[in-house]
Amino acid sequence: MHGTTAAPAKAKRSRKSFWLKQLHMWHWMSSAVSLIGLMLFAITGFTLNHAADIEASPKSVERAAQLPPALLAQVKPDDAPDSKKPLPAEVARFVGEKLAMPTAGDAEWTIDTVYLAQPRPGGDGWISIDRETGEVTSEVSSRGWIAYLNDLHKGRNAGAVWKWFIDIFVLACVVFSLTGLVLLQMHARHRRSTWPLVALGLIVPAAIAIFFIH
């Protein structure tokens, strides 16, 4: 009888040990993947919360160029309605080299102007081409590193790759949080303050939202 009761107990301990090892592995792996991202988002959460108190020193750089006649012919005014389309390849290459700016994306074509917006984290940029004269003007502005990091926090004008990074980072944080919660549950019997502290983490922000945010 003793042997028959010991076997299920041993199997139960073995399963528990297996899942405990899995939880610890996924917990530390997800924490390692999300550690730097958590620091970045925590710091920029503070800077965003105090954005009005942090002084910025915007800087702008303006440049100008002139399309040669052969390229001017490719943007000359015509009877086509206003539209959005990329710059002609040769025009884009010339403008990019002269102004040291990217020229990808759809530009706004009107009767007299081709306008290409080039927004970026922490700043802005644009290129304008006069379709009649071929005069090219541009401006690149920067609001500093704090504004740059704040825009990364919001995913503002950061592109598709950064958007994917945020999605993967969020997944890692969810795994980190859920595995941490299960580990808390498994060790809660030996730490009586576990669930009161977890509840406090819910009650404090909920109370602030209910009573102090209007």
N, C-alpha and C. Protein backbone atom coordinates (compact mmCIF):
# COMPACT_ATOMS: atom_id res chain seq x y z
N MET A 1 0.82 -1.20 0.00
CA MET A 1 0.00 0.00 0.00
C MET A 1 0.86 1.26 0.00
N HIS A 2 1.95 1.19 0.73
CA HIS A 2 2.82 2.37 0.83
C HIS A 2 3.39 2.73 -0.53
N GLY A 3 3.78 1.70 -1.34
CA GLY A 3 4.35 1.94 -2.65
C GLY A 3 3.34 2.54 -3.60
N THR A 4 2.06 2.10 -3.50
CA THR A 4 1.03 2.61 -4.41
C THR A 4 0.66 4.05 -4.12
N THR A 5 0.76 4.50 -2.89
CA THR A 5 0.45 5.90 -2.55
C THR A 5 1.64 6.82 -2.81
N ALA A 6 2.85 6.28 -2.72
CA ALA A 6 4.04 7.11 -2.92
C ALA A 6 4.22 7.48 -4.37
N ALA A 7 3.84 6.57 -5.29
CA ALA A 7 4.05 6.84 -6.72
C ALA A 7 3.27 8.06 -7.21
N PRO A 8 1.94 8.18 -6.92
CA PRO A 8 1.22 9.39 -7.36
C PRO A 8 1.78 10.67 -6.74
N ALA A 9 2.18 10.58 -5.47
CA ALA A 9 2.73 11.77 -4.81
C ALA A 9 4.04 12.20 -5.47
N LYS A 10 4.85 11.21 -5.84
CA LYS A 10 6.11 11.52 -6.51
C LYS A 10 5.86 12.12 -7.88
N ALA A 11 4.87 11.57 -8.60
CA ALA A 11 4.53 12.10 -9.92
C ALA A 11 4.01 13.53 -9.81
N LYS A 12 3.22 13.80 -8.77
CA LYS A 12 2.69 15.16 -8.56
C LYS A 12 3.82 16.14 -8.29
N ARG A 13 4.79 15.74 -7.45
CA ARG A 13 5.92 16.60 -7.16
C ARG A 13 6.77 16.85 -8.42
N SER A 14 6.87 15.80 -9.24
CA SER A 14 7.64 15.92 -10.46
C SER A 14 7.00 16.91 -11.43
N ARG A 15 5.64 16.85 -11.56
CA ARG A 15 4.94 17.79 -12.44
C ARG A 15 5.07 19.21 -11.92
N LYS A 16 4.94 19.36 -10.61
CA LYS A 16 5.06 20.70 -10.02
C LYS A 16 6.45 21.26 -10.24
N SER A 17 7.46 20.41 -10.07
CA SER A 17 8.84 20.85 -10.29
C SER A 17 9.06 21.25 -11.74
N PHE A 18 8.48 20.46 -12.66
CA PHE A 18 8.62 20.76 -14.09
C PHE A 18 8.02 22.13 -14.42
N TRP A 19 6.78 22.38 -13.97
CA TRP A 19 6.11 23.65 -14.28
C TRP A 19 6.78 24.83 -13.56
N LEU A 20 7.31 24.56 -12.37
CA LEU A 20 8.02 25.63 -11.66
C LEU A 20 9.27 26.04 -12.43
N LYS A 21 9.98 25.06 -12.96
CA LYS A 21 11.17 25.36 -13.76
C LYS A 21 10.79 26.10 -15.04
N GLN A 22 9.68 25.70 -15.67
CA GLN A 22 9.22 26.38 -16.88
C GLN A 22 8.85 27.83 -16.59
N LEU A 23 8.14 28.04 -15.48
CA LEU A 23 7.74 29.41 -15.12
C LEU A 23 8.96 30.29 -14.86
N HIS A 24 9.91 29.73 -14.10
CA HIS A 24 11.12 30.51 -13.82
C HIS A 24 11.87 30.82 -15.11
N MET A 25 11.95 29.84 -16.03
CA MET A 25 12.67 30.06 -17.28
C MET A 25 12.00 31.15 -18.10
N TRP A 26 10.67 31.05 -18.29
CA TRP A 26 9.97 32.07 -19.09
C TRP A 26 9.98 33.42 -18.40
N HIS A 27 9.98 33.41 -17.06
CA HIS A 27 9.99 34.68 -16.32
C HIS A 27 11.31 35.40 -16.51
N TRP A 28 12.43 34.69 -16.36
CA TRP A 28 13.71 35.37 -16.49
C TRP A 28 14.01 35.72 -17.94
N MET A 29 13.58 34.85 -18.88
CA MET A 29 13.82 35.16 -20.29
C MET A 29 13.04 36.41 -20.72
N SER A 30 11.76 36.48 -20.35
CA SER A 30 10.95 37.64 -20.72
C SER A 30 11.44 38.90 -20.03
N SER A 31 11.93 38.76 -18.79
CA SER A 31 12.46 39.95 -18.09
C SER A 31 13.74 40.43 -18.75
N ALA A 32 14.58 39.49 -19.22
CA ALA A 32 15.82 39.88 -19.89
C ALA A 32 15.53 40.60 -21.20
N VAL A 33 14.55 40.08 -21.97
CA VAL A 33 14.20 40.69 -23.25
C VAL A 33 13.60 42.08 -23.06
N SER A 34 12.80 42.25 -22.01
CA SER A 34 12.07 43.51 -21.84
C SER A 34 12.76 44.50 -20.90
N LEU A 35 13.89 44.12 -20.31
CA LEU A 35 14.53 44.97 -19.29
C LEU A 35 14.85 46.37 -19.81
N ILE A 36 15.61 46.47 -20.91
CA ILE A 36 16.01 47.78 -21.43
C ILE A 36 14.79 48.56 -21.90
N GLY A 37 13.85 47.86 -22.55
CA GLY A 37 12.62 48.53 -22.99
C GLY A 37 11.82 49.07 -21.82
N LEU A 38 11.75 48.30 -20.72
CA LEU A 38 11.03 48.77 -19.54
C LEU A 38 11.68 50.02 -18.96
N MET A 39 13.01 50.04 -18.94
CA MET A 39 13.71 51.22 -18.44
C MET A 39 13.42 52.43 -19.34
N LEU A 40 13.47 52.21 -20.66
CA LEU A 40 13.20 53.30 -21.60
C LEU A 40 11.79 53.84 -21.42
N PHE A 41 10.81 52.94 -21.37
CA PHE A 41 9.42 53.39 -21.27
C PHE A 41 9.12 53.98 -19.89
N ALA A 42 9.80 53.51 -18.85
CA ALA A 42 9.61 54.10 -17.53
C ALA A 42 10.16 55.52 -17.48
N ILE A 43 11.38 55.71 -18.01
CA ILE A 43 12.00 57.04 -18.00
C ILE A 43 11.22 58.01 -18.86
N THR A 44 10.84 57.57 -20.07
CA THR A 44 10.08 58.47 -20.95
C THR A 44 8.66 58.68 -20.45
N GLY A 45 8.13 57.74 -19.67
CA GLY A 45 6.85 58.00 -19.03
C GLY A 45 6.95 59.18 -18.07
N PHE A 46 8.08 59.26 -17.35
CA PHE A 46 8.31 60.40 -16.45
C PHE A 46 8.49 61.69 -17.24
N THR A 47 9.32 61.64 -18.30
CA THR A 47 9.56 62.87 -19.07
C THR A 47 8.29 63.34 -19.78
N LEU A 48 7.45 62.41 -20.22
CA LEU A 48 6.18 62.81 -20.83
C LEU A 48 5.25 63.43 -19.79
N ASN A 49 5.28 62.87 -18.58
CA ASN A 49 4.42 63.40 -17.52
C ASN A 49 4.84 64.80 -17.10
N HIS A 50 6.12 65.14 -17.33
CA HIS A 50 6.63 66.46 -16.96
C HIS A 50 7.10 67.24 -18.20
N ALA A 51 6.47 66.96 -19.34
CA ALA A 51 6.89 67.59 -20.59
C ALA A 51 6.85 69.11 -20.52
N ALA A 52 5.85 69.65 -19.82
CA ALA A 52 5.71 71.10 -19.74
C ALA A 52 6.82 71.73 -18.90
N ASP A 53 7.44 70.94 -18.02
CA ASP A 53 8.48 71.47 -17.14
C ASP A 53 9.89 71.30 -17.70
N ILE A 54 10.01 70.54 -18.78
CA ILE A 54 11.33 70.28 -19.36
C ILE A 54 11.51 71.18 -20.58
N GLU A 55 12.46 72.07 -20.49
CA GLU A 55 12.67 73.02 -21.59
C GLU A 55 13.36 72.34 -22.77
N ALA A 56 12.89 72.67 -23.94
CA ALA A 56 13.50 72.15 -25.16
C ALA A 56 14.10 73.31 -25.96
N SER A 57 15.10 73.02 -26.75
CA SER A 57 15.73 74.03 -27.58
C SER A 57 15.64 73.59 -29.05
N PRO A 58 14.53 73.90 -29.68
CA PRO A 58 14.35 73.46 -31.07
C PRO A 58 15.42 74.07 -31.98
N LYS A 59 15.87 73.26 -32.92
CA LYS A 59 16.84 73.71 -33.90
C LYS A 59 16.33 73.38 -35.30
N SER A 60 16.52 74.29 -36.22
CA SER A 60 16.06 74.10 -37.59
C SER A 60 17.21 74.33 -38.56
N VAL A 61 17.23 73.52 -39.60
CA VAL A 61 18.22 73.66 -40.66
C VAL A 61 17.47 73.79 -41.98
N GLU A 62 17.72 74.89 -42.69
CA GLU A 62 17.06 75.11 -43.98
C GLU A 62 18.09 74.95 -45.11
N ARG A 63 17.65 74.35 -46.19
CA ARG A 63 18.52 74.17 -47.35
C ARG A 63 17.73 74.51 -48.61
N ALA A 64 18.46 74.78 -49.69
CA ALA A 64 17.82 75.12 -50.96
C ALA A 64 18.64 74.54 -52.10
N ALA A 65 17.96 74.29 -53.21
CA ALA A 65 18.62 73.79 -54.41
C ALA A 65 17.78 74.22 -55.61
N GLN A 66 18.31 73.94 -56.79
CA GLN A 66 17.61 74.31 -58.02
C GLN A 66 17.62 73.11 -58.97
N LEU A 67 16.42 72.71 -59.39
CA LEU A 67 16.34 71.60 -60.33
C LEU A 67 16.91 72.02 -61.69
N PRO A 68 17.75 71.19 -62.30
CA PRO A 68 18.20 71.49 -63.66
C PRO A 68 17.03 71.34 -64.64
N PRO A 69 17.13 71.95 -65.81
CA PRO A 69 16.02 71.94 -66.78
C PRO A 69 15.48 70.54 -67.08
N ALA A 70 16.34 69.56 -67.22
CA ALA A 70 15.87 68.21 -67.55
C ALA A 70 14.97 67.63 -66.47
N LEU A 71 15.29 67.93 -65.20
CA LEU A 71 14.46 67.43 -64.10
C LEU A 71 13.24 68.31 -63.88
N LEU A 72 13.38 69.61 -64.16
CA LEU A 72 12.24 70.51 -64.03
C LEU A 72 11.10 70.08 -64.94
N ALA A 73 11.46 69.56 -66.11
CA ALA A 73 10.44 69.12 -67.06
C ALA A 73 9.58 67.99 -66.49
N GLN A 74 10.13 67.22 -65.52
CA GLN A 74 9.40 66.09 -64.95
C GLN A 74 8.39 66.52 -63.89
N VAL A 75 8.48 67.77 -63.44
CA VAL A 75 7.53 68.24 -62.42
C VAL A 75 6.76 69.47 -62.89
N LYS A 76 6.89 69.85 -64.14
CA LYS A 76 6.20 71.02 -64.67
C LYS A 76 4.69 70.94 -64.44
N PRO A 77 4.03 72.08 -64.23
CA PRO A 77 2.58 72.06 -64.04
C PRO A 77 1.87 71.44 -65.24
N ASP A 78 0.77 70.74 -64.96
CA ASP A 78 -0.04 70.15 -66.02
C ASP A 78 -1.50 70.27 -65.63
N ASP A 79 -2.35 69.60 -66.37
CA ASP A 79 -3.80 69.69 -66.12
C ASP A 79 -4.30 68.60 -65.18
N ALA A 80 -3.40 67.81 -64.64
CA ALA A 80 -3.81 66.72 -63.74
C ALA A 80 -4.35 67.29 -62.43
N PRO A 81 -5.35 66.66 -61.84
CA PRO A 81 -5.87 67.12 -60.55
C PRO A 81 -4.86 66.90 -59.43
N ASP A 82 -5.08 67.58 -58.30
CA ASP A 82 -4.22 67.37 -57.13
C ASP A 82 -4.18 65.88 -56.78
N SER A 83 -2.99 65.42 -56.39
CA SER A 83 -2.85 64.00 -56.10
C SER A 83 -1.71 63.76 -55.12
N LYS A 84 -1.58 62.52 -54.70
CA LYS A 84 -0.45 62.10 -53.87
C LYS A 84 0.28 60.97 -54.59
N LYS A 85 1.56 61.17 -54.82
CA LYS A 85 2.38 60.17 -55.50
C LYS A 85 3.84 60.46 -55.21
N PRO A 86 4.73 59.47 -55.38
CA PRO A 86 6.16 59.69 -55.11
C PRO A 86 6.78 60.66 -56.10
N LEU A 87 7.92 61.20 -55.72
CA LEU A 87 8.71 62.01 -56.65
C LEU A 87 9.24 61.11 -57.76
N PRO A 88 9.39 61.62 -58.98
CA PRO A 88 10.07 60.85 -60.02
C PRO A 88 11.45 60.42 -59.54
N ALA A 89 11.87 59.24 -59.94
CA ALA A 89 13.10 58.65 -59.40
C ALA A 89 14.31 59.57 -59.55
N GLU A 90 14.50 60.18 -60.71
CA GLU A 90 15.66 61.04 -60.92
C GLU A 90 15.57 62.31 -60.08
N VAL A 91 14.37 62.85 -59.96
CA VAL A 91 14.17 64.04 -59.13
C VAL A 91 14.45 63.70 -57.67
N ALA A 92 13.93 62.55 -57.21
CA ALA A 92 14.14 62.14 -55.82
C ALA A 92 15.62 61.96 -55.52
N ARG A 93 16.36 61.35 -56.44
CA ARG A 93 17.79 61.14 -56.24
C ARG A 93 18.54 62.47 -56.18
N PHE A 94 18.22 63.38 -57.08
CA PHE A 94 18.88 64.69 -57.10
C PHE A 94 18.60 65.47 -55.82
N VAL A 95 17.32 65.53 -55.44
CA VAL A 95 16.93 66.29 -54.25
C VAL A 95 17.55 65.68 -53.00
N GLY A 96 17.54 64.34 -52.91
CA GLY A 96 18.12 63.68 -51.75
C GLY A 96 19.60 63.96 -51.60
N GLU A 97 20.33 63.98 -52.71
CA GLU A 97 21.77 64.26 -52.65
C GLU A 97 22.05 65.72 -52.31
N LYS A 98 21.30 66.64 -52.89
CA LYS A 98 21.54 68.07 -52.66
C LYS A 98 21.14 68.51 -51.26
N LEU A 99 20.06 67.94 -50.74
CA LEU A 99 19.54 68.39 -49.45
C LEU A 99 19.90 67.46 -48.29
N ALA A 100 20.53 66.32 -48.62
CA ALA A 100 20.91 65.34 -47.59
C ALA A 100 19.70 64.93 -46.75
N MET A 101 18.62 64.61 -47.46
CA MET A 101 17.38 64.20 -46.81
C MET A 101 16.80 62.99 -47.52
N PRO A 102 16.04 62.15 -46.79
CA PRO A 102 15.33 61.07 -47.47
C PRO A 102 14.20 61.64 -48.33
N THR A 103 13.91 60.98 -49.41
CA THR A 103 12.87 61.47 -50.32
C THR A 103 11.83 60.41 -50.62
N ALA A 104 11.76 59.37 -49.79
CA ALA A 104 10.78 58.30 -50.00
C ALA A 104 9.40 58.77 -49.52
N GLY A 105 8.38 58.11 -50.03
CA GLY A 105 7.01 58.42 -49.60
C GLY A 105 6.25 59.19 -50.65
N ASP A 106 4.96 59.31 -50.41
CA ASP A 106 4.08 60.04 -51.33
C ASP A 106 4.10 61.53 -51.04
N ALA A 107 4.32 62.32 -52.08
CA ALA A 107 4.29 63.78 -51.98
C ALA A 107 2.91 64.29 -52.40
N GLU A 108 2.59 65.50 -51.96
CA GLU A 108 1.34 66.14 -52.35
C GLU A 108 1.60 67.02 -53.58
N TRP A 109 0.96 66.67 -54.68
CA TRP A 109 1.11 67.40 -55.93
C TRP A 109 -0.08 68.32 -56.12
N THR A 110 0.19 69.63 -56.13
CA THR A 110 -0.84 70.61 -56.44
C THR A 110 -0.45 71.33 -57.74
N ILE A 111 -1.23 72.29 -58.15
CA ILE A 111 -1.01 72.94 -59.43
C ILE A 111 0.35 73.63 -59.50
N ASP A 112 0.85 74.12 -58.37
CA ASP A 112 2.11 74.88 -58.41
C ASP A 112 3.22 74.34 -57.51
N THR A 113 2.92 73.34 -56.68
CA THR A 113 3.90 72.88 -55.70
C THR A 113 3.88 71.36 -55.55
N VAL A 114 5.04 70.80 -55.31
CA VAL A 114 5.16 69.42 -54.85
C VAL A 114 5.69 69.48 -53.42
N TYR A 115 4.92 68.95 -52.48
CA TYR A 115 5.28 69.06 -51.06
C TYR A 115 5.43 67.65 -50.49
N LEU A 116 6.60 67.37 -49.95
CA LEU A 116 6.89 66.07 -49.36
C LEU A 116 7.17 66.22 -47.87
N ALA A 117 6.27 65.73 -47.04
CA ALA A 117 6.46 65.79 -45.59
C ALA A 117 7.37 64.65 -45.14
N GLN A 118 8.28 64.96 -44.25
CA GLN A 118 9.22 63.97 -43.71
C GLN A 118 9.25 64.06 -42.18
N PRO A 119 8.12 63.75 -41.52
CA PRO A 119 8.11 63.79 -40.05
C PRO A 119 9.03 62.73 -39.47
N ARG A 120 9.51 62.97 -38.27
CA ARG A 120 10.44 62.05 -37.63
C ARG A 120 10.31 62.17 -36.12
N PRO A 121 10.74 61.16 -35.36
CA PRO A 121 10.69 61.28 -33.90
C PRO A 121 11.53 62.46 -33.42
N GLY A 122 10.96 63.25 -32.55
CA GLY A 122 11.68 64.37 -31.97
C GLY A 122 11.86 65.56 -32.89
N GLY A 123 11.17 65.58 -34.00
CA GLY A 123 11.33 66.70 -34.92
C GLY A 123 10.40 66.60 -36.11
N ASP A 124 10.75 67.34 -37.14
CA ASP A 124 9.92 67.36 -38.34
C ASP A 124 10.80 67.69 -39.53
N GLY A 125 10.26 67.52 -40.71
CA GLY A 125 11.00 67.85 -41.91
C GLY A 125 10.07 67.93 -43.11
N TRP A 126 10.46 68.70 -44.10
CA TRP A 126 9.66 68.80 -45.32
C TRP A 126 10.52 69.27 -46.48
N ILE A 127 10.05 68.94 -47.67
CA ILE A 127 10.68 69.37 -48.92
C ILE A 127 9.60 69.96 -49.80
N SER A 128 9.88 71.12 -50.39
CA SER A 128 8.92 71.78 -51.27
C SER A 128 9.60 72.10 -52.61
N ILE A 129 8.91 71.78 -53.69
CA ILE A 129 9.44 72.05 -55.03
C ILE A 129 8.45 72.95 -55.77
N ASP A 130 8.93 74.08 -56.20
CA ASP A 130 8.11 74.98 -57.03
C ASP A 130 8.07 74.40 -58.44
N ARG A 131 6.90 74.01 -58.91
CA ARG A 131 6.77 73.33 -60.19
C ARG A 131 7.03 74.26 -61.38
N GLU A 132 6.94 75.54 -61.17
CA GLU A 132 7.16 76.49 -62.26
C GLU A 132 8.63 76.85 -62.40
N THR A 133 9.28 77.14 -61.28
CA THR A 133 10.67 77.61 -61.32
C THR A 133 11.70 76.51 -61.05
N GLY A 134 11.27 75.42 -60.39
CA GLY A 134 12.22 74.37 -60.03
C GLY A 134 12.98 74.65 -58.75
N GLU A 135 12.60 75.70 -58.04
CA GLU A 135 13.27 76.00 -56.77
C GLU A 135 12.87 74.95 -55.73
N VAL A 136 13.88 74.40 -55.05
CA VAL A 136 13.66 73.37 -54.03
C VAL A 136 14.08 73.94 -52.68
N THR A 137 13.20 73.86 -51.72
CA THR A 137 13.51 74.31 -50.36
C THR A 137 13.17 73.19 -49.38
N SER A 138 13.87 73.20 -48.27
CA SER A 138 13.61 72.17 -47.25
C SER A 138 13.90 72.73 -45.87
N GLU A 139 13.35 72.05 -44.90
CA GLU A 139 13.63 72.40 -43.50
C GLU A 139 13.61 71.12 -42.67
N VAL A 140 14.59 71.00 -41.81
CA VAL A 140 14.64 69.90 -40.84
C VAL A 140 14.73 70.50 -39.46
N SER A 141 13.81 70.12 -38.59
CA SER A 141 13.80 70.67 -37.22
C SER A 141 13.97 69.53 -36.22
N SER A 142 14.59 69.86 -35.10
CA SER A 142 14.81 68.89 -34.02
C SER A 142 14.50 69.55 -32.69
N ARG A 143 13.80 68.81 -31.83
CA ARG A 143 13.47 69.34 -30.50
C ARG A 143 14.33 68.70 -29.40
N GLY A 144 15.36 67.96 -29.78
CA GLY A 144 16.29 67.42 -28.80
C GLY A 144 16.04 65.94 -28.49
N TRP A 145 16.98 65.38 -27.68
CA TRP A 145 16.94 63.95 -27.39
C TRP A 145 15.74 63.55 -26.56
N ILE A 146 15.33 64.39 -25.63
CA ILE A 146 14.18 64.03 -24.79
C ILE A 146 12.93 63.92 -25.64
N ALA A 147 12.74 64.88 -26.56
CA ALA A 147 11.59 64.81 -27.46
C ALA A 147 11.67 63.58 -28.36
N TYR A 148 12.89 63.24 -28.78
CA TYR A 148 13.10 62.05 -29.61
C TYR A 148 12.66 60.79 -28.86
N LEU A 149 13.11 60.64 -27.61
CA LEU A 149 12.74 59.46 -26.82
C LEU A 149 11.26 59.46 -26.48
N ASN A 150 10.70 60.65 -26.21
CA ASN A 150 9.26 60.73 -25.95
C ASN A 150 8.44 60.25 -27.15
N ASP A 151 8.87 60.62 -28.34
CA ASP A 151 8.15 60.19 -29.54
C ASP A 151 8.32 58.69 -29.77
N LEU A 152 9.48 58.13 -29.41
CA LEU A 152 9.63 56.68 -29.49
C LEU A 152 8.67 56.00 -28.52
N HIS A 153 8.49 56.57 -27.34
CA HIS A 153 7.53 56.03 -26.37
C HIS A 153 6.14 55.96 -26.98
N LYS A 154 5.76 56.98 -27.71
CA LYS A 154 4.42 57.04 -28.32
C LYS A 154 4.36 56.36 -29.68
N GLY A 155 5.51 55.96 -30.22
CA GLY A 155 5.53 55.38 -31.55
C GLY A 155 5.23 56.39 -32.63
N ARG A 156 5.49 57.67 -32.35
CA ARG A 156 5.15 58.74 -33.29
C ARG A 156 6.18 58.85 -34.40
N ASN A 157 5.73 58.67 -35.62
CA ASN A 157 6.58 58.83 -36.82
C ASN A 157 7.84 57.99 -36.74
N ALA A 158 7.75 56.81 -36.12
CA ALA A 158 8.94 55.97 -35.94
C ALA A 158 9.03 54.82 -36.94
N GLY A 159 8.03 54.64 -37.77
CA GLY A 159 8.11 53.63 -38.81
C GLY A 159 7.62 52.25 -38.39
N ALA A 160 7.52 51.36 -39.38
CA ALA A 160 6.93 50.04 -39.17
C ALA A 160 7.81 49.14 -38.29
N VAL A 161 9.13 49.24 -38.43
CA VAL A 161 10.02 48.38 -37.65
C VAL A 161 9.88 48.67 -36.16
N TRP A 162 9.84 49.95 -35.79
CA TRP A 162 9.66 50.31 -34.38
C TRP A 162 8.29 49.87 -33.88
N LYS A 163 7.28 49.95 -34.74
CA LYS A 163 5.94 49.49 -34.37
C LYS A 163 5.96 48.01 -34.03
N TRP A 164 6.68 47.22 -34.84
CA TRP A 164 6.81 45.79 -34.55
C TRP A 164 7.58 45.55 -33.26
N PHE A 165 8.62 46.37 -33.02
CA PHE A 165 9.37 46.23 -31.77
C PHE A 165 8.46 46.45 -30.57
N ILE A 166 7.61 47.47 -30.63
CA ILE A 166 6.71 47.75 -29.51
C ILE A 166 5.77 46.57 -29.27
N ASP A 167 5.24 45.98 -30.35
CA ASP A 167 4.33 44.84 -30.21
C ASP A 167 5.04 43.66 -29.56
N ILE A 168 6.27 43.38 -29.98
CA ILE A 168 7.03 42.26 -29.40
C ILE A 168 7.39 42.56 -27.96
N PHE A 169 7.75 43.82 -27.69
CA PHE A 169 8.08 44.23 -26.32
C PHE A 169 6.87 44.08 -25.40
N VAL A 170 5.69 44.46 -25.88
CA VAL A 170 4.47 44.31 -25.09
C VAL A 170 4.22 42.84 -24.78
N LEU A 171 4.41 41.96 -25.77
CA LEU A 171 4.22 40.53 -25.55
C LEU A 171 5.17 40.01 -24.48
N ALA A 172 6.44 40.46 -24.53
CA ALA A 172 7.41 40.04 -23.52
C ALA A 172 7.00 40.52 -22.13
N CYS A 173 6.48 41.74 -22.05
CA CYS A 173 6.03 42.28 -20.75
C CYS A 173 4.82 41.51 -20.22
N VAL A 174 3.92 41.10 -21.10
CA VAL A 174 2.75 40.32 -20.68
C VAL A 174 3.20 38.96 -20.14
N VAL A 175 4.13 38.31 -20.85
CA VAL A 175 4.66 37.02 -20.36
C VAL A 175 5.35 37.21 -19.02
N PHE A 176 6.15 38.26 -18.90
CA PHE A 176 6.85 38.57 -17.65
C PHE A 176 5.85 38.77 -16.51
N SER A 177 4.78 39.51 -16.76
CA SER A 177 3.79 39.80 -15.72
C SER A 177 3.00 38.56 -15.33
N LEU A 178 2.54 37.78 -16.32
CA LEU A 178 1.72 36.61 -16.03
C LEU A 178 2.52 35.53 -15.31
N THR A 179 3.75 35.28 -15.77
CA THR A 179 4.57 34.28 -15.09
C THR A 179 4.92 34.74 -13.67
N GLY A 180 5.13 36.05 -13.52
CA GLY A 180 5.37 36.59 -12.17
C GLY A 180 4.16 36.40 -11.28
N LEU A 181 2.96 36.59 -11.84
CA LEU A 181 1.74 36.43 -11.05
C LEU A 181 1.55 34.98 -10.61
N VAL A 182 1.83 34.04 -11.51
CA VAL A 182 1.70 32.62 -11.15
C VAL A 182 2.75 32.24 -10.10
N LEU A 183 3.96 32.76 -10.25
CA LEU A 183 4.99 32.49 -9.25
C LEU A 183 4.61 33.07 -7.89
N LEU A 184 4.00 34.24 -7.90
CA LEU A 184 3.51 34.81 -6.64
C LEU A 184 2.48 33.89 -5.99
N GLN A 185 1.58 33.36 -6.82
CA GLN A 185 0.55 32.47 -6.30
C GLN A 185 1.16 31.20 -5.70
N MET A 186 2.19 30.69 -6.34
CA MET A 186 2.82 29.46 -5.86
C MET A 186 3.57 29.67 -4.55
N HIS A 187 4.07 30.89 -4.33
CA HIS A 187 4.85 31.16 -3.12
C HIS A 187 4.07 31.97 -2.08
N ALA A 188 2.79 32.28 -2.39
CA ALA A 188 2.03 33.19 -1.53
C ALA A 188 1.83 32.63 -0.12
N ARG A 189 1.75 31.31 0.01
CA ARG A 189 1.50 30.72 1.34
C ARG A 189 2.62 31.02 2.33
N HIS A 190 3.80 31.27 1.81
CA HIS A 190 4.94 31.57 2.69
C HIS A 190 5.18 33.07 2.82
N ARG A 191 4.41 33.87 2.10
CA ARG A 191 4.57 35.33 2.13
C ARG A 191 3.19 35.97 2.25
N ARG A 192 2.77 36.24 3.45
CA ARG A 192 1.41 36.69 3.70
C ARG A 192 1.11 38.06 3.09
N SER A 193 2.14 38.84 2.85
CA SER A 193 1.90 40.20 2.31
C SER A 193 1.72 40.19 0.79
N THR A 194 1.82 39.02 0.14
CA THR A 194 1.77 38.95 -1.32
C THR A 194 0.50 39.56 -1.87
N TRP A 195 -0.66 39.00 -1.52
CA TRP A 195 -1.91 39.45 -2.13
C TRP A 195 -2.34 40.84 -1.67
N PRO A 196 -2.09 41.23 -0.41
CA PRO A 196 -2.36 42.64 -0.06
C PRO A 196 -1.58 43.63 -0.91
N LEU A 197 -0.31 43.30 -1.22
CA LEU A 197 0.49 44.20 -2.05
C LEU A 197 -0.01 44.20 -3.50
N VAL A 198 -0.39 43.02 -4.00
CA VAL A 198 -0.96 42.97 -5.35
C VAL A 198 -2.25 43.78 -5.42
N ALA A 199 -3.10 43.63 -4.40
CA ALA A 199 -4.35 44.39 -4.35
C ALA A 199 -4.08 45.89 -4.27
N LEU A 200 -3.04 46.26 -3.51
CA LEU A 200 -2.69 47.67 -3.40
C LEU A 200 -2.30 48.24 -4.76
N GLY A 201 -1.58 47.44 -5.55
CA GLY A 201 -1.19 47.88 -6.89
C GLY A 201 -2.38 48.11 -7.80
N LEU A 202 -3.51 47.49 -7.52
CA LEU A 202 -4.74 47.71 -8.28
C LEU A 202 -5.57 48.83 -7.69
N ILE A 203 -5.69 48.84 -6.35
CA ILE A 203 -6.60 49.78 -5.69
C ILE A 203 -6.10 51.22 -5.81
N VAL A 204 -4.79 51.46 -5.66
CA VAL A 204 -4.27 52.83 -5.69
C VAL A 204 -4.55 53.52 -7.02
N PRO A 205 -4.15 52.96 -8.18
CA PRO A 205 -4.47 53.66 -9.43
C PRO A 205 -5.96 53.73 -9.71
N ALA A 206 -6.72 52.70 -9.31
CA ALA A 206 -8.17 52.73 -9.53
C ALA A 206 -8.80 53.86 -8.71
N ALA A 207 -8.37 54.02 -7.45
CA ALA A 207 -8.91 55.08 -6.60
C ALA A 207 -8.56 56.46 -7.14
N ILE A 208 -7.32 56.62 -7.60
CA ILE A 208 -6.92 57.91 -8.18
C ILE A 208 -7.76 58.23 -9.41
N ALA A 209 -7.98 57.22 -10.27
CA ALA A 209 -8.78 57.44 -11.47
C ALA A 209 -10.22 57.80 -11.13
N ILE A 210 -10.77 57.17 -10.12
CA ILE A 210 -12.19 57.41 -9.77
C ILE A 210 -12.39 58.74 -9.07
N PHE A 211 -11.50 59.06 -8.12
CA PHE A 211 -11.75 60.22 -7.26
C PHE A 211 -11.00 61.50 -7.67
N PHE A 212 -9.92 61.37 -8.43
CA PHE A 212 -9.11 62.56 -8.71
C PHE A 212 -9.01 62.93 -10.18
N ILE A 213 -9.50 62.08 -11.07
CA ILE A 213 -9.46 62.40 -12.50
C ILE A 213 -10.87 62.71 -12.96
N HIS A 214 -11.05 63.92 -13.44
CA HIS A 214 -12.39 64.35 -13.89
C HIS A 214 -12.28 64.97 -15.28
